[in-house]
Amino acid sequence: MQEVRLERPALPNGFRLHWDKVRERHVLLFPEGATALNPTAVAVLELCDGRTIEEIAAELSARFNGADVLADVEALLLDLANRGMVIDASVA
């Protein structure tokens, strides 16, 4: 398996965050279906707007009283990238 590298994570074409009114939670919609997201994943994915992983982690750290979140943010994004749910916008 090829190692995924992310500099500027982004959602691939056809993927989008969506608030599901019936279930009262965010989901990640994609052509083959949908995945329910927890609030942490939503917070991370909302910041995938051209920022680097480090910038995303710094923003979340500022929101959560300086918590060290870089490793967790990176792990989440790499897991999603390995599933094809996040891409590296710097090479797209």
PDB file of N, CA and C in Angstrom:
ATOM      1  N   MET A   1       0.838  -1.183   0.000  1.00  0.00           N
ATOM      2  CA  MET A   1       0.000   0.000   0.000  1.00  0.00           C
ATOM      3  C   MET A   1       0.879   1.241   0.000  1.00  0.00           C
ATOM      4  N   GLN A   2       0.535   2.193  -0.851  1.00  0.00           N
ATOM      5  CA  GLN A   2       1.296   3.427  -0.947  1.00  0.00           C
ATOM      6  C   GLN A   2       0.973   4.341   0.229  1.00  0.00           C
ATOM      7  N   GLU A   3       1.996   4.966   0.785  1.00  0.00           N
ATOM      8  CA  GLU A   3       1.788   5.873   1.907  1.00  0.00           C
ATOM      9  C   GLU A   3       1.165   7.168   1.405  1.00  0.00           C
ATOM     10  N   VAL A   4       0.114   7.614   2.078  1.00  0.00           N
ATOM     11  CA  VAL A   4      -0.555   8.859   1.717  1.00  0.00           C
ATOM     12  C   VAL A   4       0.166  10.012   2.374  1.00  0.00           C
ATOM     13  N   ARG A   5       0.381  11.064   1.606  1.00  0.00           N
ATOM     14  CA  ARG A   5       1.028  12.274   2.125  1.00  0.00           C
ATOM     15  C   ARG A   5       0.064  13.430   1.947  1.00  0.00           C
ATOM     16  N   LEU A   6      -0.160  14.185   2.993  1.00  0.00           N
ATOM     17  CA  LEU A   6      -1.063  15.335   2.944  1.00  0.00           C
ATOM     18  C   LEU A   6      -0.336  16.595   3.367  1.00  0.00           C
ATOM     19  N   GLU A   7      -0.400  17.621   2.531  1.00  0.00           N
ATOM     20  CA  GLU A   7       0.091  18.937   2.934  1.00  0.00           C
ATOM     21  C   GLU A   7      -1.079  19.878   3.165  1.00  0.00           C
ATOM     22  N   ARG A   8      -1.975  19.903   2.182  1.00  0.00           N
ATOM     23  CA  ARG A   8      -3.166  20.751   2.249  1.00  0.00           C
ATOM     24  C   ARG A   8      -4.392  19.875   2.000  1.00  0.00           C
ATOM     25  N   PRO A   9      -4.945  19.297   3.066  1.00  0.00           N
ATOM     26  CA  PRO A   9      -6.070  18.372   2.904  1.00  0.00           C
ATOM     27  C   PRO A   9      -7.318  19.090   2.378  1.00  0.00           C
ATOM     28  N   ALA A  10      -8.051  18.361   1.535  1.00  0.00           N
ATOM     29  CA  ALA A  10      -9.294  18.881   0.973  1.00  0.00           C
ATOM     30  C   ALA A  10     -10.228  17.711   0.686  1.00  0.00           C
ATOM     31  N   LEU A  11     -11.502  18.023   0.572  1.00  0.00           N
ATOM     32  CA  LEU A  11     -12.466  17.005   0.179  1.00  0.00           C
ATOM     33  C   LEU A  11     -12.378  16.809  -1.326  1.00  0.00           C
ATOM     34  N   PRO A  12     -12.430  15.576  -1.795  1.00  0.00           N
ATOM     35  CA  PRO A  12     -12.399  15.323  -3.241  1.00  0.00           C
ATOM     36  C   PRO A  12     -13.683  15.825  -3.910  1.00  0.00           C
ATOM     37  N   ASN A  13     -13.654  15.958  -5.228  1.00  0.00           N
ATOM     38  CA  ASN A  13     -14.859  16.295  -5.976  1.00  0.00           C
ATOM     39  C   ASN A  13     -15.940  15.265  -5.664  1.00  0.00           C
ATOM     40  N   GLY A  14     -17.153  15.744  -5.479  1.00  0.00           N
ATOM     41  CA  GLY A  14     -18.265  14.853  -5.186  1.00  0.00           C
ATOM     42  C   GLY A  14     -18.493  14.613  -3.703  1.00  0.00           C
ATOM     43  N   PHE A  15     -17.596  15.081  -2.850  1.00  0.00           N
ATOM     44  CA  PHE A  15     -17.733  14.928  -1.398  1.00  0.00           C
ATOM     45  C   PHE A  15     -18.140  16.281  -0.804  1.00  0.00           C
ATOM     46  N   ARG A  16     -19.021  16.229   0.202  1.00  0.00           N
ATOM     47  CA  ARG A  16     -19.371  17.482   0.892  1.00  0.00           C
ATOM     48  C   ARG A  16     -19.914  17.193   2.276  1.00  0.00           C
ATOM     49  N   LEU A  17     -19.689  18.150   3.163  1.00  0.00           N
ATOM     50  CA  LEU A  17     -20.269  18.085   4.504  1.00  0.00           C
ATOM     51  C   LEU A  17     -21.733  18.481   4.416  1.00  0.00           C
ATOM     52  N   HIS A  18     -22.571  17.802   5.181  1.00  0.00           N
ATOM     53  CA  HIS A  18     -24.003  18.062   5.117  1.00  0.00           C
ATOM     54  C   HIS A  18     -24.609  17.861   6.506  1.00  0.00           C
ATOM     55  N   TRP A  19     -25.499  18.780   6.890  1.00  0.00           N
ATOM     56  CA  TRP A  19     -26.230  18.617   8.148  1.00  0.00           C
ATOM     57  C   TRP A  19     -27.482  17.809   7.854  1.00  0.00           C
ATOM     58  N   ASP A  20     -27.582  16.639   8.464  1.00  0.00           N
ATOM     59  CA  ASP A  20     -28.731  15.758   8.288  1.00  0.00           C
ATOM     60  C   ASP A  20     -29.778  16.151   9.328  1.00  0.00           C
ATOM     61  N   LYS A  21     -30.845  16.807   8.872  1.00  0.00           N
ATOM     62  CA  LYS A  21     -31.885  17.296   9.786  1.00  0.00           C
ATOM     63  C   LYS A  21     -32.594  16.159  10.514  1.00  0.00           C
ATOM     64  N   VAL A  22     -32.809  15.053   9.833  1.00  0.00           N
ATOM     65  CA  VAL A  22     -33.527  13.929  10.437  1.00  0.00           C
ATOM     66  C   VAL A  22     -32.721  13.334  11.589  1.00  0.00           C
ATOM     67  N   ARG A  23     -31.448  13.088  11.358  1.00  0.00           N
ATOM     68  CA  ARG A  23     -30.601  12.471  12.385  1.00  0.00           C
ATOM     69  C   ARG A  23     -29.948  13.499  13.307  1.00  0.00           C
ATOM     70  N   GLU A  24     -30.090  14.779  12.953  1.00  0.00           N
ATOM     71  CA  GLU A  24     -29.518  15.886  13.718  1.00  0.00           C
ATOM     72  C   GLU A  24     -28.025  15.702  13.960  1.00  0.00           C
ATOM     73  N   ARG A  25     -27.311  15.451  12.842  1.00  0.00           N
ATOM     74  CA  ARG A  25     -25.855  15.333  12.918  1.00  0.00           C
ATOM     75  C   ARG A  25     -25.276  15.573  11.534  1.00  0.00           C
ATOM     76  N   HIS A  26     -23.980  15.883  11.512  1.00  0.00           N
ATOM     77  CA  HIS A  26     -23.287  16.070  10.242  1.00  0.00           C
ATOM     78  C   HIS A  26     -22.942  14.720   9.629  1.00  0.00           C
ATOM     79  N   VAL A  27     -22.967  14.695   8.304  1.00  0.00           N
ATOM     80  CA  VAL A  27     -22.520  13.530   7.555  1.00  0.00           C
ATOM     81  C   VAL A  27     -21.621  14.010   6.420  1.00  0.00           C
ATOM     82  N   LEU A  28     -20.775  13.129   5.972  1.00  0.00           N
ATOM     83  CA  LEU A  28     -19.954  13.375   4.796  1.00  0.00           C
ATOM     84  C   LEU A  28     -20.630  12.626   3.654  1.00  0.00           C
ATOM     85  N   LEU A  29     -21.175  13.392   2.704  1.00  0.00           N
ATOM     86  CA  LEU A  29     -21.851  12.785   1.556  1.00  0.00           C
ATOM     87  C   LEU A  29     -20.849  12.555   0.440  1.00  0.00           C
ATOM     88  N   PHE A  30     -21.009  11.438  -0.254  1.00  0.00           N
ATOM     89  CA  PHE A  30     -20.167  11.124  -1.408  1.00  0.00           C
ATOM     90  C   PHE A  30     -20.980  10.265  -2.360  1.00  0.00           C
ATOM     91  N   PRO A  31     -20.532  10.094  -3.598  1.00  0.00           N
ATOM     92  CA  PRO A  31     -21.352   9.399  -4.592  1.00  0.00           C
ATOM     93  C   PRO A  31     -21.847   8.019  -4.172  1.00  0.00           C
ATOM     94  N   GLU A  32     -21.090   7.290  -3.401  1.00  0.00           N
ATOM     95  CA  GLU A  32     -21.486   5.931  -3.015  1.00  0.00           C
ATOM     96  C   GLU A  32     -22.305   5.875  -1.736  1.00  0.00           C
ATOM     97  N   GLY A  33     -22.482   6.999  -1.052  1.00  0.00           N
ATOM     98  CA  GLY A  33     -23.218   6.961   0.197  1.00  0.00           C
ATOM     99  C   GLY A  33     -22.918   8.134   1.110  1.00  0.00           C
ATOM    100  N   ALA A  34     -22.890   7.842   2.404  1.00  0.00           N
ATOM    101  CA  ALA A  34     -22.656   8.864   3.424  1.00  0.00           C
ATOM    102  C   ALA A  34     -22.006   8.222   4.640  1.00  0.00           C
ATOM    103  N   THR A  35     -21.242   9.025   5.361  1.00  0.00           N
ATOM    104  CA  THR A  35     -20.616   8.593   6.599  1.00  0.00           C
ATOM    105  C   THR A  35     -20.970   9.591   7.688  1.00  0.00           C
ATOM    106  N   ALA A  36     -21.466   9.091   8.814  1.00  0.00           N
ATOM    107  CA  ALA A  36     -21.764   9.955   9.952  1.00  0.00           C
ATOM    108  C   ALA A  36     -20.455  10.441  10.566  1.00  0.00           C
ATOM    109  N   LEU A  37     -20.447  11.682  11.004  1.00  0.00           N
ATOM    110  CA  LEU A  37     -19.238  12.287  11.573  1.00  0.00           C
ATOM    111  C   LEU A  37     -19.482  12.729  13.006  1.00  0.00           C
ATOM    112  N   ASN A  38     -18.451  12.596  13.822  1.00  0.00           N
ATOM    113  CA  ASN A  38     -18.543  13.146  15.166  1.00  0.00           C
ATOM    114  C   ASN A  38     -18.158  14.626  15.111  1.00  0.00           C
ATOM    115  N   PRO A  39     -18.442  15.400  16.160  1.00  0.00           N
ATOM    116  CA  PRO A  39     -18.156  16.836  16.136  1.00  0.00           C
ATOM    117  C   PRO A  39     -16.681  17.173  15.892  1.00  0.00           C
ATOM    118  N   THR A  40     -15.788  16.334  16.368  1.00  0.00           N
ATOM    119  CA  THR A  40     -14.356  16.585  16.145  1.00  0.00           C
ATOM    120  C   THR A  40     -14.008  16.488  14.670  1.00  0.00           C
ATOM    121  N   ALA A  41     -14.487  15.448  14.006  1.00  0.00           N
ATOM    122  CA  ALA A  41     -14.219  15.286  12.573  1.00  0.00           C
ATOM    123  C   ALA A  41     -14.808  16.447  11.785  1.00  0.00           C
ATOM    124  N   VAL A  42     -15.996  16.903  12.166  1.00  0.00           N
ATOM    125  CA  VAL A  42     -16.615  18.044  11.491  1.00  0.00           C
ATOM    126  C   VAL A  42     -15.737  19.281  11.643  1.00  0.00           C
ATOM    127  N   ALA A  43     -15.261  19.543  12.858  1.00  0.00           N
ATOM    128  CA  ALA A  43     -14.423  20.716  13.102  1.00  0.00           C
ATOM    129  C   ALA A  43     -13.163  20.679  12.238  1.00  0.00           C
ATOM    130  N   VAL A  44     -12.564  19.507  12.103  1.00  0.00           N
ATOM    131  CA  VAL A  44     -11.359  19.368  11.280  1.00  0.00           C
ATOM    132  C   VAL A  44     -11.695  19.570   9.808  1.00  0.00           C
ATOM    133  N   LEU A  45     -12.715  18.890   9.316  1.00  0.00           N
ATOM    134  CA  LEU A  45     -13.045  18.968   7.892  1.00  0.00           C
ATOM    135  C   LEU A  45     -13.514  20.352   7.472  1.00  0.00           C
ATOM    136  N   GLU A  46     -14.158  21.078   8.368  1.00  0.00           N
ATOM    137  CA  GLU A  46     -14.568  22.446   8.038  1.00  0.00           C
ATOM    138  C   GLU A  46     -13.372  23.353   7.785  1.00  0.00           C
ATOM    139  N   LEU A  47     -12.224  22.988   8.340  1.00  0.00           N
ATOM    140  CA  LEU A  47     -11.012  23.798   8.164  1.00  0.00           C
ATOM    141  C   LEU A  47     -10.161  23.348   6.978  1.00  0.00           C
ATOM    142  N   CYS A  48     -10.608  22.341   6.259  1.00  0.00           N
ATOM    143  CA  CYS A  48      -9.878  21.865   5.081  1.00  0.00           C
ATOM    144  C   CYS A  48     -10.238  22.739   3.891  1.00  0.00           C
ATOM    145  N   ASP A  49      -9.756  23.978   3.948  1.00  0.00           N
ATOM    146  CA  ASP A  49     -10.100  24.980   2.946  1.00  0.00           C
ATOM    147  C   ASP A  49      -8.847  25.596   2.316  1.00  0.00           C
ATOM    148  N   GLY A  50      -7.807  24.787   2.209  1.00  0.00           N
ATOM    149  CA  GLY A  50      -6.546  25.276   1.670  1.00  0.00           C
ATOM    150  C   GLY A  50      -5.467  25.431   2.722  1.00  0.00           C
ATOM    151  N   ARG A  51      -5.814  25.220   3.971  1.00  0.00           N
ATOM    152  CA  ARG A  51      -4.843  25.304   5.065  1.00  0.00           C
ATOM    153  C   ARG A  51      -4.015  24.025   5.123  1.00  0.00           C
ATOM    154  N   THR A  52      -2.846  24.148   5.713  1.00  0.00           N
ATOM    155  CA  THR A  52      -2.013  22.975   5.962  1.00  0.00           C
ATOM    156  C   THR A  52      -2.531  22.257   7.210  1.00  0.00           C
ATOM    157  N   ILE A  53      -2.065  21.034   7.409  1.00  0.00           N
ATOM    158  CA  ILE A  53      -2.436  20.296   8.622  1.00  0.00           C
ATOM    159  C   ILE A  53      -2.000  21.072   9.856  1.00  0.00           C
ATOM    160  N   GLU A  54      -0.837  21.666   9.798  1.00  0.00           N
ATOM    161  CA  GLU A  54      -0.332  22.436  10.938  1.00  0.00           C
ATOM    162  C   GLU A  54      -1.221  23.646  11.221  1.00  0.00           C
ATOM    163  N   GLU A  55      -1.703  24.318  10.176  1.00  0.00           N
ATOM    164  CA  GLU A  55      -2.592  25.471  10.369  1.00  0.00           C
ATOM    165  C   GLU A  55      -3.946  25.036  10.932  1.00  0.00           C
ATOM    166  N   ILE A  56      -4.438  23.906  10.469  1.00  0.00           N
ATOM    167  CA  ILE A  56      -5.700  23.369  10.997  1.00  0.00           C
ATOM    168  C   ILE A  56      -5.536  23.055  12.481  1.00  0.00           C
ATOM    169  N   ALA A  57      -4.448  22.381  12.831  1.00  0.00           N
ATOM    170  CA  ALA A  57      -4.195  22.028  14.234  1.00  0.00           C
ATOM    171  C   ALA A  57      -4.028  23.278  15.089  1.00  0.00           C
ATOM    172  N   ALA A  58      -3.356  24.307  14.573  1.00  0.00           N
ATOM    173  CA  ALA A  58      -3.169  25.538  15.334  1.00  0.00           C
ATOM    174  C   ALA A  58      -4.505  26.229  15.602  1.00  0.00           C
ATOM    175  N   GLU A  59      -5.388  26.247  14.611  1.00  0.00           N
ATOM    176  CA  GLU A  59      -6.713  26.845  14.793  1.00  0.00           C
ATOM    177  C   GLU A  59      -7.514  26.083  15.847  1.00  0.00           C
ATOM    178  N   LEU A  60      -7.499  24.769  15.766  1.00  0.00           N
ATOM    179  CA  LEU A  60      -8.231  23.967  16.759  1.00  0.00           C
ATOM    180  C   LEU A  60      -7.606  24.084  18.142  1.00  0.00           C
ATOM    181  N   SER A  61      -6.298  24.158  18.203  1.00  0.00           N
ATOM    182  CA  SER A  61      -5.618  24.337  19.478  1.00  0.00           C
ATOM    183  C   SER A  61      -6.051  25.649  20.135  1.00  0.00           C
ATOM    184  N   ALA A  62      -6.158  26.695  19.332  1.00  0.00           N
ATOM    185  CA  ALA A  62      -6.597  27.989  19.858  1.00  0.00           C
ATOM    186  C   ALA A  62      -8.039  27.906  20.375  1.00  0.00           C
ATOM    187  N   ARG A  63      -8.870  27.140  19.717  1.00  0.00           N
ATOM    188  CA  ARG A  63     -10.266  26.981  20.150  1.00  0.00           C
ATOM    189  C   ARG A  63     -10.375  26.192  21.448  1.00  0.00           C
ATOM    190  N   PHE A  64      -9.412  25.292  21.684  1.00  0.00           N
ATOM    191  CA  PHE A  64      -9.477  24.388  22.835  1.00  0.00           C
ATOM    192  C   PHE A  64      -8.362  24.648  23.837  1.00  0.00           C
ATOM    193  N   ASN A  65      -8.169  25.913  24.159  1.00  0.00           N
ATOM    194  CA  ASN A  65      -7.266  26.335  25.239  1.00  0.00           C
ATOM    195  C   ASN A  65      -5.843  25.816  25.103  1.00  0.00           C
ATOM    196  N   GLY A  66      -5.328  25.788  23.894  1.00  0.00           N
ATOM    197  CA  GLY A  66      -3.934  25.422  23.685  1.00  0.00           C
ATOM    198  C   GLY A  66      -3.636  23.940  23.686  1.00  0.00           C
ATOM    199  N   ALA A  67      -4.657  23.109  23.596  1.00  0.00           N
ATOM    200  CA  ALA A  67      -4.446  21.657  23.580  1.00  0.00           C
ATOM    201  C   ALA A  67      -3.574  21.264  22.391  1.00  0.00           C
ATOM    202  N   ASP A  68      -2.709  20.297  22.602  1.00  0.00           N
ATOM    203  CA  ASP A  68      -1.847  19.798  21.533  1.00  0.00           C
ATOM    204  C   ASP A  68      -2.642  18.776  20.721  1.00  0.00           C
ATOM    205  N   VAL A  69      -3.131  19.202  19.560  1.00  0.00           N
ATOM    206  CA  VAL A  69      -4.021  18.356  18.760  1.00  0.00           C
ATOM    207  C   VAL A  69      -3.403  17.915  17.435  1.00  0.00           C
ATOM    208  N   LEU A  70      -2.175  18.308  17.159  1.00  0.00           N
ATOM    209  CA  LEU A  70      -1.572  18.032  15.859  1.00  0.00           C
ATOM    210  C   LEU A  70      -1.578  16.547  15.516  1.00  0.00           C
ATOM    211  N   ALA A  71      -1.150  15.698  16.422  1.00  0.00           N
ATOM    212  CA  ALA A  71      -1.094  14.256  16.134  1.00  0.00           C
ATOM    213  C   ALA A  71      -2.485  13.692  15.858  1.00  0.00           C
ATOM    214  N   ASP A  72      -3.481  14.145  16.609  1.00  0.00           N
ATOM    215  CA  ASP A  72      -4.848  13.661  16.411  1.00  0.00           C
ATOM    216  C   ASP A  72      -5.423  14.139  15.072  1.00  0.00           C
ATOM    217  N   VAL A  73      -5.181  15.400  14.729  1.00  0.00           N
ATOM    218  CA  VAL A  73      -5.654  15.946  13.450  1.00  0.00           C
ATOM    219  C   VAL A  73      -5.003  15.194  12.293  1.00  0.00           C
ATOM    220  N   GLU A  74      -3.707  15.001  12.394  1.00  0.00           N
ATOM    221  CA  GLU A  74      -2.986  14.292  11.335  1.00  0.00           C
ATOM    222  C   GLU A  74      -3.489  12.848  11.198  1.00  0.00           C
ATOM    223  N   ALA A  75      -3.700  12.164  12.314  1.00  0.00           N
ATOM    224  CA  ALA A  75      -4.176  10.784  12.275  1.00  0.00           C
ATOM    225  C   ALA A  75      -5.567  10.697  11.638  1.00  0.00           C
ATOM    226  N   LEU A  76      -6.462  11.600  12.005  1.00  0.00           N
ATOM    227  CA  LEU A  76      -7.803  11.607  11.430  1.00  0.00           C
ATOM    228  C   LEU A  76      -7.743  11.837   9.926  1.00  0.00           C
ATOM    229  N   LEU A  77      -6.990  12.840   9.499  1.00  0.00           N
ATOM    230  CA  LEU A  77      -6.930  13.161   8.076  1.00  0.00           C
ATOM    231  C   LEU A  77      -6.257  12.056   7.267  1.00  0.00           C
ATOM    232  N   LEU A  78      -5.232  11.439   7.813  1.00  0.00           N
ATOM    233  CA  LEU A  78      -4.592  10.329   7.103  1.00  0.00           C
ATOM    234  C   LEU A  78      -5.515   9.128   7.006  1.00  0.00           C
ATOM    235  N   ASP A  79      -6.283   8.864   8.056  1.00  0.00           N
ATOM    236  CA  ASP A  79      -7.244   7.770   8.004  1.00  0.00           C
ATOM    237  C   ASP A  79      -8.286   8.032   6.920  1.00  0.00           C
ATOM    238  N   LEU A  80      -8.815   9.252   6.867  1.00  0.00           N
ATOM    239  CA  LEU A  80      -9.791   9.596   5.836  1.00  0.00           C
ATOM    240  C   LEU A  80      -9.164   9.558   4.439  1.00  0.00           C
ATOM    241  N   ALA A  81      -7.912   9.981   4.330  1.00  0.00           N
ATOM    242  CA  ALA A  81      -7.219   9.951   3.038  1.00  0.00           C
ATOM    243  C   ALA A  81      -7.028   8.517   2.562  1.00  0.00           C
ATOM    244  N   ASN A  82      -6.704   7.622   3.464  1.00  0.00           N
ATOM    245  CA  ASN A  82      -6.545   6.213   3.099  1.00  0.00           C
ATOM    246  C   ASN A  82      -7.858   5.587   2.637  1.00  0.00           C
ATOM    247  N   ARG A  83      -8.970   6.180   3.024  1.00  0.00           N
ATOM    248  CA  ARG A  83     -10.291   5.716   2.586  1.00  0.00           C
ATOM    249  C   ARG A  83     -10.767   6.457   1.336  1.00  0.00           C
ATOM    250  N   GLY A  84      -9.947   7.396   0.840  1.00  0.00           N
ATOM    251  CA  GLY A  84     -10.317   8.169  -0.345  1.00  0.00           C
ATOM    252  C   GLY A  84     -11.274   9.311  -0.059  1.00  0.00           C
ATOM    253  N   MET A  85     -11.420   9.671   1.217  1.00  0.00           N
ATOM    254  CA  MET A  85     -12.373  10.722   1.600  1.00  0.00           C
ATOM    255  C   MET A  85     -11.725  12.087   1.756  1.00  0.00           C
ATOM    256  N   VAL A  86     -10.404  12.146   1.690  1.00  0.00           N
ATOM    257  CA  VAL A  86      -9.647  13.391   1.741  1.00  0.00           C
ATOM    258  C   VAL A  86      -8.501  13.248   0.748  1.00  0.00           C
ATOM    259  N   ILE A  87      -8.186  14.341   0.066  1.00  0.00           N
ATOM    260  CA  ILE A  87      -7.069  14.361  -0.869  1.00  0.00           C
ATOM    261  C   ILE A  87      -6.102  15.467  -0.493  1.00  0.00           C
ATOM    262  N   ASP A  88      -4.951  15.476  -1.110  1.00  0.00           N
ATOM    263  CA  ASP A  88      -3.974  16.549  -0.931  1.00  0.00           C
ATOM    264  C   ASP A  88      -4.194  17.561  -2.035  1.00  0.00           C
ATOM    265  N   ALA A  89      -4.741  18.729  -1.670  1.00  0.00           N
ATOM    266  CA  ALA A  89      -5.052  19.772  -2.649  1.00  0.00           C
ATOM    267  C   ALA A  89      -3.799  20.374  -3.266  1.00  0.00           C
ATOM    268  N   SER A  90      -2.656  20.214  -2.621  1.00  0.00           N
ATOM    269  CA  SER A  90      -1.428  20.805  -3.169  1.00  0.00           C
ATOM    270  C   SER A  90      -0.934  20.056  -4.403  1.00  0.00           C
ATOM    271  N   VAL A  91      -1.418  18.824  -4.629  1.00  0.00           N
ATOM    272  CA  VAL A  91      -1.010  18.074  -5.814  1.00  0.00           C
ATOM    273  C   VAL A  91      -2.175  17.864  -6.772  1.00  0.00           C
ATOM    274  N   ALA A  92      -3.356  18.296  -6.389  1.00  0.00           N
ATOM    275  CA  ALA A  92      -4.546  18.099  -7.244  1.00  0.00           C
ATOM    276  C   ALA A  92      -4.584  19.085  -8.386  1.00  0.00           C
TER     277      ALA A  92
END
